[in-house]
Amino acid sequence: MADIYKNEMFALTNTGVNLLYTAPSDARALVKGVQVTNGGANAVVTLSTNNTTTSYDTAIHTLESNTHTTLLDSPMVLIESETLSIQSNTANVISGIVSILEISRN
């Protein structure tokens, strides 16, 4: 069994739902943090998870201009094939990084 630490960086160029991460089919993932920066106008950011049948909003934050925040108060567990997505109501102002620990079952 291997543990893999990784970062997934993102910059949102649209107002649609943007896939940030998918847990591998043979691993669980511990999302340690999601940090976002708003480099422009006020924006509402929604973080959501999906278990292939249902989507859940896990965090919704309003970010003032030129600020940053952490979207998770505590680590989140994603099981096999679950996804993590983010959406902003303003394009081209939100960027950030997701910190993840993947725990392989092999």
Protein backbone atom coordinates (compact mmCIF):
# COMPACT_ATOMS: atom_id res chain seq x y z
CA MET A 1 0.00 0.00 0.00
CA ALA A 2 1.47 3.36 -1.05
CA ASP A 3 0.70 6.87 0.13
CA ILE A 4 1.08 9.61 -2.46
CA TYR A 5 1.02 13.29 -1.57
CA LYS A 6 0.00 15.60 -4.39
CA ASN A 7 -1.17 19.10 -5.23
CA GLU A 8 -3.67 19.96 -7.95
CA MET A 9 -3.48 23.61 -9.05
CA PHE A 10 -6.29 25.37 -10.89
CA ALA A 11 -7.32 28.66 -12.49
CA LEU A 12 -11.00 29.02 -13.37
CA THR A 13 -11.53 30.52 -16.83
CA ASN A 14 -15.31 30.08 -16.94
CA THR A 15 -18.39 30.04 -14.71
CA GLY A 16 -19.18 26.37 -15.28
CA VAL A 17 -18.43 23.44 -12.99
CA ASN A 18 -14.71 22.61 -13.18
CA LEU A 19 -13.45 19.16 -12.22
CA LEU A 20 -10.47 19.47 -9.86
CA TYR A 21 -9.79 15.86 -8.89
CA THR A 22 -11.06 12.30 -9.23
CA ALA A 23 -10.09 9.68 -6.67
CA PRO A 24 -8.45 6.69 -8.39
CA SER A 25 -10.53 3.52 -8.69
CA ASP A 26 -8.02 1.66 -6.48
CA ALA A 27 -7.47 4.32 -3.79
CA ARG A 28 -9.06 6.59 -1.24
CA ALA A 29 -8.12 10.25 -1.07
CA LEU A 30 -7.82 12.56 1.89
CA VAL A 31 -8.32 16.16 0.74
CA LYS A 32 -6.32 18.12 3.29
CA GLY A 33 -7.18 21.58 2.04
CA VAL A 34 -8.54 23.72 -0.78
CA GLN A 35 -7.04 27.20 -0.89
CA VAL A 36 -8.48 29.79 -3.28
CA THR A 37 -7.46 33.30 -4.26
CA ASN A 38 -9.75 35.89 -5.79
CA GLY A 39 -7.67 38.17 -7.98
CA GLY A 40 -10.53 40.34 -9.20
CA ALA A 41 -14.16 41.19 -8.60
CA ASN A 42 -16.26 39.79 -5.77
CA ALA A 43 -17.07 36.14 -6.43
CA VAL A 44 -19.11 33.28 -4.98
CA VAL A 45 -17.23 29.96 -5.02
CA THR A 46 -18.92 26.57 -4.60
CA LEU A 47 -16.95 23.39 -3.88
CA SER A 48 -18.82 20.13 -4.52
CA THR A 49 -18.28 16.38 -4.44
CA ASN A 50 -19.95 13.74 -6.57
CA ASN A 51 -20.27 10.01 -5.90
CA THR A 52 -21.31 9.25 -9.52
CA THR A 53 -25.02 9.49 -8.68
CA THR A 54 -25.44 12.57 -6.49
CA SER A 55 -23.61 15.88 -6.18
CA TYR A 56 -23.19 17.54 -2.79
CA ASP A 57 -22.19 21.16 -2.18
CA THR A 58 -19.52 20.92 0.51
CA ALA A 59 -18.54 24.59 0.79
CA ILE A 60 -19.91 27.88 -0.47
CA HIS A 61 -17.89 31.05 0.13
CA THR A 62 -18.22 34.65 -0.95
CA LEU A 63 -14.78 36.10 -1.67
CA GLU A 64 -14.24 39.83 -1.71
CA SER A 65 -11.91 41.35 -4.30
CA ASN A 66 -8.22 40.45 -3.92
CA THR A 67 -8.62 38.04 -1.00
CA HIS A 68 -7.91 34.38 -0.30
CA THR A 69 -9.45 31.68 1.91
CA THR A 70 -9.42 27.98 2.70
CA LEU A 71 -12.65 26.26 1.62
CA LEU A 72 -12.47 23.27 4.00
CA ASP A 73 -12.57 23.48 7.79
CA SER A 74 -11.29 19.92 8.13
CA PRO A 75 -10.01 17.14 5.83
CA MET A 76 -12.49 15.46 3.47
CA VAL A 77 -12.38 11.79 2.46
CA LEU A 78 -13.13 10.80 -1.13
CA ILE A 79 -13.68 7.12 -1.79
CA GLU A 80 -12.94 5.35 -5.07
CA SER A 81 -13.98 7.33 -8.18
CA GLU A 82 -15.60 10.22 -6.27
CA THR A 83 -14.89 13.66 -7.69
CA LEU A 84 -14.17 17.14 -6.38
CA SER A 85 -15.33 20.14 -8.44
CA ILE A 86 -15.39 23.90 -8.09
CA GLN A 87 -17.51 26.65 -9.62
CA SER A 88 -17.37 30.45 -9.48
CA ASN A 89 -19.98 32.96 -10.58
CA THR A 90 -17.17 35.13 -12.03
CA ALA A 91 -14.71 33.94 -14.69
CA ASN A 92 -10.96 34.55 -14.77
CA VAL A 93 -10.52 35.68 -11.15
CA ILE A 94 -10.33 32.47 -9.07
CA SER A 95 -7.22 30.29 -8.76
CA GLY A 96 -5.95 27.93 -6.11
CA ILE A 97 -4.52 24.64 -5.00
CA VAL A 98 -5.92 21.37 -3.63
CA SER A 99 -3.70 19.35 -1.27
CA ILE A 100 -4.37 15.60 -1.39
CA LEU A 101 -3.11 12.38 0.16
CA GLU A 102 -3.94 9.30 -1.95
CA ILE A 103 -3.96 6.00 -0.09
CA SER A 104 -3.69 3.06 -2.47
CA ARG A 105 -5.42 -0.23 -1.67
CA ASN A 106 -2.80 -2.18 -3.63
